[in-house]
């Protein structure tokens, strides 16, 4: 269940996505949002089983969500999502987590680690774009996360 993730490939994928997203308007949080959408699209259409791309996408989503909301609870979401995946896989119902026709990748602690790194970087982004205001808006991400949790196919 822990396919090997190459940290170098993941970091390079993240760097390239952010560099491409810098071509448009907006602050770092908006650039990260565009980078996330770009990686998400690539994963859904061309490389659904690429574990390194999955790690980069998880990083970018957590970074965007933390940067947009300033919610420190985002740091817990990668591990909680991984736990949910482990339960679904153990029960043989992982297809219920699918958001596309592509297979659901197995839970992976390295992907979770990249998600946590993204959340930490996003909280710094939040402070940077809000004149140094601390990222302590506990619960601000929960509305978005609950919508995300409910969008799975019923499979």
N, C-alpha and C. Protein backbone atom coordinates (compact mmCIF):
# COMPACT_ATOMS: atom_id res chain seq x y z
N UNK A 1 0.81 -1.21 0.00
CA UNK A 1 0.00 0.00 0.00
C UNK A 1 0.84 1.27 0.00
N UNK A 2 2.14 1.13 0.00
CA UNK A 2 2.99 2.32 0.00
C UNK A 2 3.92 2.31 -1.20
N UNK A 3 3.34 2.51 -2.38
CA UNK A 3 4.15 2.61 -3.59
C UNK A 3 5.17 3.72 -3.39
N UNK A 4 6.35 3.51 -3.91
CA UNK A 4 7.46 4.45 -3.69
C UNK A 4 7.18 5.81 -4.32
N UNK A 5 7.33 6.84 -3.54
CA UNK A 5 7.22 8.23 -4.01
C UNK A 5 8.63 8.79 -4.10
N UNK A 6 8.92 9.45 -5.21
CA UNK A 6 10.21 10.12 -5.37
C UNK A 6 10.04 11.58 -4.95
N UNK A 7 10.64 11.94 -3.82
CA UNK A 7 10.52 13.32 -3.34
C UNK A 7 11.06 14.31 -4.36
N UNK A 8 12.11 13.93 -5.08
CA UNK A 8 12.68 14.83 -6.09
C UNK A 8 11.69 15.08 -7.22
N UNK A 9 11.01 14.02 -7.68
CA UNK A 9 10.03 14.17 -8.76
C UNK A 9 8.85 15.00 -8.27
N UNK A 10 8.38 14.73 -7.06
CA UNK A 10 7.25 15.48 -6.52
C UNK A 10 7.60 16.96 -6.41
N UNK A 11 8.76 17.28 -5.84
CA UNK A 11 9.16 18.68 -5.69
C UNK A 11 9.30 19.36 -7.04
N UNK A 12 9.87 18.67 -8.01
CA UNK A 12 10.01 19.23 -9.35
C UNK A 12 8.64 19.49 -9.98
N UNK A 13 7.70 18.58 -9.79
CA UNK A 13 6.34 18.74 -10.31
C UNK A 13 5.67 19.95 -9.68
N UNK A 14 5.83 20.11 -8.38
CA UNK A 14 5.27 21.26 -7.66
C UNK A 14 5.89 22.55 -8.18
N UNK A 15 7.20 22.58 -8.28
CA UNK A 15 7.90 23.79 -8.73
C UNK A 15 7.45 24.20 -10.13
N UNK A 16 7.35 23.23 -11.04
CA UNK A 16 6.93 23.54 -12.41
C UNK A 16 5.50 24.06 -12.45
N UNK A 17 4.62 23.45 -11.67
CA UNK A 17 3.21 23.88 -11.67
C UNK A 17 3.08 25.31 -11.14
N UNK A 18 3.80 25.64 -10.09
CA UNK A 18 3.73 27.01 -9.54
C UNK A 18 4.36 28.00 -10.51
N UNK A 19 5.45 27.62 -11.13
CA UNK A 19 6.09 28.50 -12.11
C UNK A 19 5.14 28.82 -13.26
N UNK A 20 4.45 27.81 -13.77
CA UNK A 20 3.47 28.03 -14.85
C UNK A 20 2.31 28.91 -14.38
N UNK A 21 1.88 28.73 -13.13
CA UNK A 21 0.75 29.49 -12.60
C UNK A 21 1.10 30.94 -12.33
N UNK A 22 2.38 31.26 -12.20
CA UNK A 22 2.79 32.64 -11.92
C UNK A 22 2.55 33.56 -13.11
N UNK A 23 2.27 33.01 -14.26
CA UNK A 23 2.04 33.82 -15.45
C UNK A 23 0.77 34.64 -15.40
N UNK A 24 -0.12 34.36 -14.48
CA UNK A 24 -1.38 35.08 -14.41
C UNK A 24 -1.42 36.07 -13.26
N UNK A 25 -2.59 36.65 -13.07
CA UNK A 25 -2.77 37.61 -11.99
C UNK A 25 -2.93 36.90 -10.65
N UNK A 26 -2.87 37.68 -9.59
CA UNK A 26 -3.18 37.16 -8.27
C UNK A 26 -1.98 36.94 -7.39
N UNK A 27 -2.27 36.80 -6.10
CA UNK A 27 -1.22 36.57 -5.11
C UNK A 27 -0.83 35.09 -5.12
N UNK A 28 0.03 34.71 -4.20
CA UNK A 28 0.53 33.33 -4.16
C UNK A 28 -0.60 32.33 -3.94
N UNK A 29 -1.61 32.69 -3.17
CA UNK A 29 -2.71 31.76 -2.92
C UNK A 29 -3.46 31.49 -4.23
N UNK A 30 -3.69 32.52 -5.01
CA UNK A 30 -4.36 32.34 -6.30
C UNK A 30 -3.48 31.54 -7.26
N UNK A 31 -2.19 31.78 -7.23
CA UNK A 31 -1.28 31.02 -8.09
C UNK A 31 -1.28 29.54 -7.70
N UNK A 32 -1.30 29.27 -6.41
CA UNK A 32 -1.36 27.89 -5.94
C UNK A 32 -2.68 27.24 -6.34
N UNK A 33 -3.78 27.99 -6.29
CA UNK A 33 -5.08 27.46 -6.74
C UNK A 33 -5.00 27.03 -8.20
N UNK A 34 -4.43 27.90 -9.03
CA UNK A 34 -4.30 27.56 -10.45
C UNK A 34 -3.38 26.36 -10.65
N UNK A 35 -2.30 26.31 -9.88
CA UNK A 35 -1.37 25.17 -9.98
C UNK A 35 -2.08 23.88 -9.56
N UNK A 36 -2.88 23.94 -8.50
CA UNK A 36 -3.63 22.76 -8.06
C UNK A 36 -4.57 22.30 -9.17
N UNK A 37 -5.33 23.22 -9.74
CA UNK A 37 -6.28 22.84 -10.80
C UNK A 37 -5.56 22.23 -12.00
N UNK A 38 -4.39 22.74 -12.31
CA UNK A 38 -3.60 22.20 -13.41
C UNK A 38 -3.17 20.76 -13.11
N UNK A 39 -2.66 20.51 -11.92
CA UNK A 39 -2.25 19.16 -11.54
C UNK A 39 -3.45 18.22 -11.46
N UNK A 40 -4.55 18.73 -10.94
CA UNK A 40 -5.76 17.92 -10.83
C UNK A 40 -6.23 17.49 -12.22
N UNK A 41 -6.22 18.41 -13.16
CA UNK A 41 -6.64 18.10 -14.53
C UNK A 41 -5.72 17.05 -15.16
N UNK A 42 -4.43 17.22 -14.98
CA UNK A 42 -3.45 16.28 -15.53
C UNK A 42 -3.67 14.88 -14.94
N UNK A 43 -3.94 14.82 -13.67
CA UNK A 43 -4.15 13.54 -13.01
C UNK A 43 -5.44 12.88 -13.46
N UNK A 44 -6.46 13.67 -13.68
CA UNK A 44 -7.75 13.11 -14.08
C UNK A 44 -7.76 12.65 -15.53
N UNK A 45 -6.94 13.26 -16.38
CA UNK A 45 -7.03 12.98 -17.81
C UNK A 45 -5.90 12.13 -18.37
N UNK A 46 -4.67 12.36 -17.91
CA UNK A 46 -3.53 11.72 -18.56
C UNK A 46 -2.77 10.75 -17.67
N UNK A 47 -2.68 11.03 -16.38
CA UNK A 47 -1.81 10.21 -15.52
C UNK A 47 -2.49 9.87 -14.20
N UNK A 48 -3.63 9.17 -14.26
CA UNK A 48 -4.40 8.91 -13.04
C UNK A 48 -3.71 8.01 -12.02
N UNK A 49 -2.75 7.21 -12.45
CA UNK A 49 -2.11 6.27 -11.53
C UNK A 49 -0.68 6.67 -11.17
N UNK A 50 -0.30 7.90 -11.45
CA UNK A 50 1.05 8.40 -11.16
C UNK A 50 1.11 8.85 -9.70
N UNK A 51 1.79 8.07 -8.87
CA UNK A 51 1.82 8.34 -7.43
C UNK A 51 2.55 9.65 -7.12
N UNK A 52 3.55 10.00 -7.92
CA UNK A 52 4.27 11.26 -7.70
C UNK A 52 3.37 12.46 -8.01
N UNK A 53 2.60 12.34 -9.08
CA UNK A 53 1.64 13.39 -9.41
C UNK A 53 0.57 13.49 -8.33
N UNK A 54 0.14 12.35 -7.81
CA UNK A 54 -0.85 12.36 -6.72
C UNK A 54 -0.30 13.09 -5.50
N UNK A 55 0.96 12.84 -5.16
CA UNK A 55 1.57 13.52 -4.01
C UNK A 55 1.64 15.02 -4.26
N UNK A 56 2.02 15.42 -5.48
CA UNK A 56 2.09 16.84 -5.81
C UNK A 56 0.71 17.49 -5.75
N UNK A 57 -0.30 16.78 -6.25
CA UNK A 57 -1.66 17.31 -6.22
C UNK A 57 -2.15 17.46 -4.77
N UNK A 58 -1.88 16.48 -3.94
CA UNK A 58 -2.28 16.57 -2.52
C UNK A 58 -1.57 17.74 -1.84
N UNK A 59 -0.30 17.90 -2.12
CA UNK A 59 0.45 19.05 -1.59
C UNK A 59 -0.24 20.35 -1.99
N UNK A 60 -0.53 20.48 -3.28
CA UNK A 60 -1.05 21.74 -3.80
C UNK A 60 -2.45 22.02 -3.26
N UNK A 61 -3.29 20.98 -3.12
CA UNK A 61 -4.63 21.21 -2.58
C UNK A 61 -4.53 21.67 -1.12
N UNK A 62 -3.71 20.99 -0.33
CA UNK A 62 -3.58 21.38 1.08
C UNK A 62 -2.98 22.77 1.20
N UNK A 63 -2.02 23.09 0.36
CA UNK A 63 -1.42 24.43 0.40
C UNK A 63 -2.46 25.48 0.04
N UNK A 64 -3.25 25.21 -1.00
CA UNK A 64 -4.28 26.18 -1.38
C UNK A 64 -5.31 26.34 -0.25
N UNK A 65 -5.83 25.24 0.27
CA UNK A 65 -6.87 25.33 1.29
C UNK A 65 -6.37 26.05 2.54
N UNK A 66 -5.17 25.73 2.98
CA UNK A 66 -4.61 26.40 4.16
C UNK A 66 -4.34 27.87 3.87
N UNK A 67 -3.83 28.17 2.69
CA UNK A 67 -3.54 29.56 2.33
C UNK A 67 -4.79 30.40 2.18
N UNK A 68 -5.85 29.80 1.67
CA UNK A 68 -7.10 30.53 1.47
C UNK A 68 -7.87 30.74 2.76
N UNK A 69 -7.76 29.79 3.69
CA UNK A 69 -8.59 29.86 4.90
C UNK A 69 -7.83 30.26 6.16
N UNK A 70 -6.53 30.00 6.22
CA UNK A 70 -5.78 30.25 7.45
C UNK A 70 -6.13 29.29 8.57
N UNK A 71 -6.66 28.13 8.21
CA UNK A 71 -7.11 27.15 9.20
C UNK A 71 -6.02 26.12 9.49
N UNK A 72 -5.46 26.12 10.71
CA UNK A 72 -4.43 25.14 11.06
C UNK A 72 -4.93 23.69 11.03
N UNK A 73 -6.25 23.50 11.08
CA UNK A 73 -6.79 22.14 11.04
C UNK A 73 -6.51 21.46 9.70
N UNK A 74 -6.18 22.23 8.68
CA UNK A 74 -5.85 21.63 7.38
C UNK A 74 -4.66 20.68 7.54
N UNK A 75 -3.81 20.93 8.52
CA UNK A 75 -2.66 20.04 8.73
C UNK A 75 -3.10 18.61 9.08
N UNK A 76 -4.28 18.45 9.65
CA UNK A 76 -4.76 17.12 10.02
C UNK A 76 -5.42 16.39 8.86
N UNK A 77 -5.83 17.09 7.84
CA UNK A 77 -6.63 16.46 6.78
C UNK A 77 -5.90 15.39 5.99
N UNK A 78 -4.61 15.51 5.68
CA UNK A 78 -3.98 14.42 4.92
C UNK A 78 -4.01 13.08 5.66
N UNK A 79 -3.76 13.11 6.96
CA UNK A 79 -3.78 11.86 7.74
C UNK A 79 -5.20 11.34 7.90
N UNK A 80 -6.16 12.24 8.11
CA UNK A 80 -7.55 11.81 8.23
C UNK A 80 -8.06 11.22 6.92
N UNK A 81 -7.70 11.85 5.81
CA UNK A 81 -8.08 11.32 4.49
C UNK A 81 -7.43 9.95 4.28
N UNK A 82 -6.16 9.82 4.66
CA UNK A 82 -5.48 8.54 4.55
C UNK A 82 -6.15 7.46 5.39
N UNK A 83 -6.59 7.83 6.59
CA UNK A 83 -7.29 6.87 7.46
C UNK A 83 -8.60 6.43 6.81
N UNK A 84 -9.32 7.38 6.24
CA UNK A 84 -10.57 7.04 5.56
C UNK A 84 -10.29 6.08 4.41
N UNK A 85 -9.24 6.37 3.64
CA UNK A 85 -8.88 5.49 2.53
C UNK A 85 -8.56 4.08 3.03
N UNK A 86 -7.83 3.99 4.13
CA UNK A 86 -7.47 2.68 4.67
C UNK A 86 -8.72 1.87 5.05
N UNK A 87 -9.70 2.54 5.64
CA UNK A 87 -10.95 1.87 6.00
C UNK A 87 -11.67 1.41 4.73
N UNK A 88 -11.81 2.30 3.75
CA UNK A 88 -12.51 1.94 2.51
C UNK A 88 -11.81 0.79 1.80
N UNK A 89 -10.47 0.83 1.75
CA UNK A 89 -9.74 -0.27 1.12
C UNK A 89 -9.92 -1.57 1.90
N UNK A 90 -9.88 -1.51 3.21
CA UNK A 90 -10.04 -2.71 4.03
C UNK A 90 -11.42 -3.35 3.83
N UNK A 91 -12.42 -2.50 3.61
CA UNK A 91 -13.78 -2.99 3.39
C UNK A 91 -14.04 -3.35 1.93
N UNK A 92 -13.08 -3.06 1.05
CA UNK A 92 -13.25 -3.35 -0.37
C UNK A 92 -14.21 -2.41 -1.08
N UNK A 93 -14.41 -1.23 -0.52
CA UNK A 93 -15.36 -0.28 -1.11
C UNK A 93 -14.66 1.00 -1.56
N UNK A 94 -13.37 0.89 -1.89
CA UNK A 94 -12.60 2.07 -2.27
C UNK A 94 -13.17 2.79 -3.50
N UNK A 95 -13.89 2.08 -4.37
CA UNK A 95 -14.46 2.73 -5.55
C UNK A 95 -15.49 3.79 -5.16
N UNK A 96 -16.02 3.71 -3.97
CA UNK A 96 -16.97 4.73 -3.51
C UNK A 96 -16.29 6.08 -3.28
N UNK A 97 -14.97 6.08 -3.21
CA UNK A 97 -14.23 7.33 -3.03
C UNK A 97 -13.90 7.98 -4.37
N UNK A 98 -14.18 7.29 -5.46
CA UNK A 98 -13.80 7.80 -6.78
C UNK A 98 -14.56 9.08 -7.11
N UNK A 99 -13.86 10.01 -7.70
CA UNK A 99 -14.48 11.25 -8.19
C UNK A 99 -14.47 11.27 -9.72
N UNK A 100 -13.82 10.27 -10.32
CA UNK A 100 -13.80 10.09 -11.77
C UNK A 100 -13.90 8.59 -12.03
N UNK A 101 -13.81 8.20 -13.29
CA UNK A 101 -13.84 6.77 -13.63
C UNK A 101 -12.49 6.10 -13.37
N UNK A 102 -11.49 6.87 -13.04
CA UNK A 102 -10.16 6.33 -12.79
C UNK A 102 -10.12 5.58 -11.47
N UNK A 103 -9.19 4.62 -11.34
CA UNK A 103 -9.08 3.89 -10.08
C UNK A 103 -8.61 4.79 -8.94
N UNK A 104 -9.03 4.44 -7.74
CA UNK A 104 -8.60 5.15 -6.54
C UNK A 104 -7.25 4.57 -6.13
N UNK A 105 -6.26 5.44 -5.97
CA UNK A 105 -4.94 4.96 -5.55
C UNK A 105 -4.99 4.53 -4.08
N UNK A 106 -4.20 3.53 -3.76
CA UNK A 106 -4.13 3.03 -2.39
C UNK A 106 -3.60 4.11 -1.46
N UNK A 107 -3.96 4.05 -0.18
CA UNK A 107 -3.41 5.01 0.78
C UNK A 107 -1.89 4.92 0.80
N UNK A 108 -1.25 6.06 1.05
CA UNK A 108 0.20 6.11 0.98
C UNK A 108 0.70 7.17 1.96
N UNK A 109 1.52 6.76 2.90
CA UNK A 109 1.99 7.71 3.92
C UNK A 109 2.87 8.81 3.33
N UNK A 110 3.56 8.53 2.24
CA UNK A 110 4.37 9.59 1.60
C UNK A 110 3.48 10.66 0.98
N UNK A 111 2.37 10.25 0.39
CA UNK A 111 1.42 11.22 -0.16
C UNK A 111 0.85 12.06 0.99
N UNK A 112 0.55 11.43 2.10
CA UNK A 112 0.05 12.16 3.27
C UNK A 112 1.10 13.15 3.78
N UNK A 113 2.35 12.73 3.79
CA UNK A 113 3.44 13.62 4.23
C UNK A 113 3.52 14.85 3.33
N UNK A 114 3.36 14.66 2.03
CA UNK A 114 3.37 15.81 1.12
C UNK A 114 2.16 16.72 1.36
N UNK A 115 1.01 16.13 1.68
CA UNK A 115 -0.15 16.94 2.02
C UNK A 115 0.10 17.80 3.24
N UNK A 116 0.72 17.23 4.26
CA UNK A 116 1.05 18.00 5.47
C UNK A 116 2.02 19.13 5.15
N UNK A 117 3.01 18.86 4.33
CA UNK A 117 3.95 19.92 3.93
C UNK A 117 3.21 21.04 3.20
N UNK A 118 2.28 20.67 2.34
CA UNK A 118 1.49 21.68 1.63
C UNK A 118 0.68 22.54 2.59
N UNK A 119 0.08 21.90 3.59
CA UNK A 119 -0.71 22.65 4.58
C UNK A 119 0.18 23.64 5.33
N UNK A 120 1.36 23.20 5.74
CA UNK A 120 2.27 24.10 6.46
C UNK A 120 2.70 25.27 5.58
N UNK A 121 3.02 24.99 4.32
CA UNK A 121 3.41 26.07 3.41
C UNK A 121 2.23 27.01 3.16
N UNK A 122 1.03 26.46 3.07
CA UNK A 122 -0.15 27.28 2.86
C UNK A 122 -0.45 28.21 4.03
N UNK A 123 -0.21 27.74 5.24
CA UNK A 123 -0.43 28.61 6.41
C UNK A 123 0.55 29.78 6.39
N UNK A 124 1.77 29.53 5.92
CA UNK A 124 2.73 30.64 5.75
C UNK A 124 2.24 31.60 4.66
N UNK A 125 1.71 31.04 3.58
CA UNK A 125 1.16 31.88 2.51
C UNK A 125 0.05 32.77 3.05
N UNK A 126 -0.83 32.20 3.88
CA UNK A 126 -1.93 32.96 4.45
C UNK A 126 -1.40 34.18 5.20
N UNK A 127 -0.41 33.97 6.05
CA UNK A 127 0.17 35.08 6.81
C UNK A 127 0.82 36.10 5.88
N UNK A 128 1.50 35.62 4.85
CA UNK A 128 2.18 36.52 3.91
C UNK A 128 1.19 37.43 3.18
N UNK A 129 0.06 36.89 2.75
CA UNK A 129 -0.89 37.71 1.98
C UNK A 129 -1.85 38.49 2.86
N UNK A 130 -1.79 38.26 4.17
CA UNK A 130 -2.66 38.97 5.11
C UNK A 130 -1.84 39.80 6.10
N UNK A 131 -0.81 40.45 5.58
CA UNK A 131 0.00 41.39 6.37
C UNK A 131 0.50 40.81 7.69
N UNK A 132 0.93 39.57 7.67
CA UNK A 132 1.51 38.95 8.85
C UNK A 132 0.51 38.41 9.86
N UNK A 133 -0.78 38.51 9.54
CA UNK A 133 -1.80 37.99 10.46
C UNK A 133 -1.56 36.49 10.67
N UNK A 134 -1.62 36.02 11.91
CA UNK A 134 -1.38 34.60 12.15
C UNK A 134 -2.49 33.73 11.54
N UNK A 135 -2.09 32.57 11.07
CA UNK A 135 -3.04 31.62 10.49
C UNK A 135 -3.64 30.81 11.63
N UNK A 136 -4.64 31.38 12.26
CA UNK A 136 -5.27 30.72 13.41
C UNK A 136 -6.79 30.75 13.32
N UNK A 137 -7.30 30.64 12.11
CA UNK A 137 -8.74 30.66 11.88
C UNK A 137 -9.29 29.23 11.97
N UNK A 138 -9.25 28.67 13.17
CA UNK A 138 -9.65 27.28 13.38
C UNK A 138 -11.06 27.03 12.87
N UNK A 139 -11.20 26.01 12.03
CA UNK A 139 -12.50 25.62 11.50
C UNK A 139 -12.89 26.29 10.20
N UNK A 140 -12.10 27.25 9.74
CA UNK A 140 -12.47 28.00 8.53
C UNK A 140 -12.50 27.12 7.27
N UNK A 141 -11.84 25.99 7.29
CA UNK A 141 -11.80 25.12 6.11
C UNK A 141 -12.90 24.06 6.13
N UNK A 142 -13.63 23.93 7.22
CA UNK A 142 -14.54 22.80 7.37
C UNK A 142 -15.68 22.79 6.36
N UNK A 143 -16.19 23.94 5.98
CA UNK A 143 -17.24 23.98 4.97
C UNK A 143 -16.76 23.41 3.65
N UNK A 144 -15.58 23.82 3.24
CA UNK A 144 -15.00 23.32 1.99
C UNK A 144 -14.72 21.83 2.10
N UNK A 145 -14.14 21.41 3.21
CA UNK A 145 -13.81 19.99 3.38
C UNK A 145 -15.05 19.11 3.41
N UNK A 146 -16.13 19.58 4.02
CA UNK A 146 -17.34 18.76 4.06
C UNK A 146 -17.93 18.60 2.67
N UNK A 147 -17.89 19.64 1.85
CA UNK A 147 -18.36 19.52 0.46
C UNK A 147 -17.48 18.53 -0.31
N UNK A 148 -16.19 18.59 -0.08
CA UNK A 148 -15.26 17.68 -0.74
C UNK A 148 -15.55 16.23 -0.35
N UNK A 149 -15.82 16.01 0.92
CA UNK A 149 -16.08 14.65 1.41
C UNK A 149 -17.37 14.08 0.83
N UNK A 150 -18.32 14.93 0.52
CA UNK A 150 -19.62 14.46 0.04
C UNK A 150 -19.70 14.32 -1.48
N UNK A 151 -18.64 14.67 -2.20
CA UNK A 151 -18.73 14.65 -3.66
C UNK A 151 -18.37 13.30 -4.27
N UNK A 152 -18.01 12.33 -3.46
CA UNK A 152 -17.62 11.02 -3.99
C UNK A 152 -18.79 10.36 -4.71
N UNK A 153 -18.44 9.52 -5.68
CA UNK A 153 -19.44 8.68 -6.33
C UNK A 153 -20.01 7.73 -5.29
N UNK A 154 -21.22 7.33 -5.47
CA UNK A 154 -21.85 6.40 -4.52
C UNK A 154 -21.49 4.96 -4.84
N UNK A 155 -20.89 4.75 -6.01
CA UNK A 155 -20.30 3.56 -6.54
C UNK A 155 -20.81 2.25 -6.16
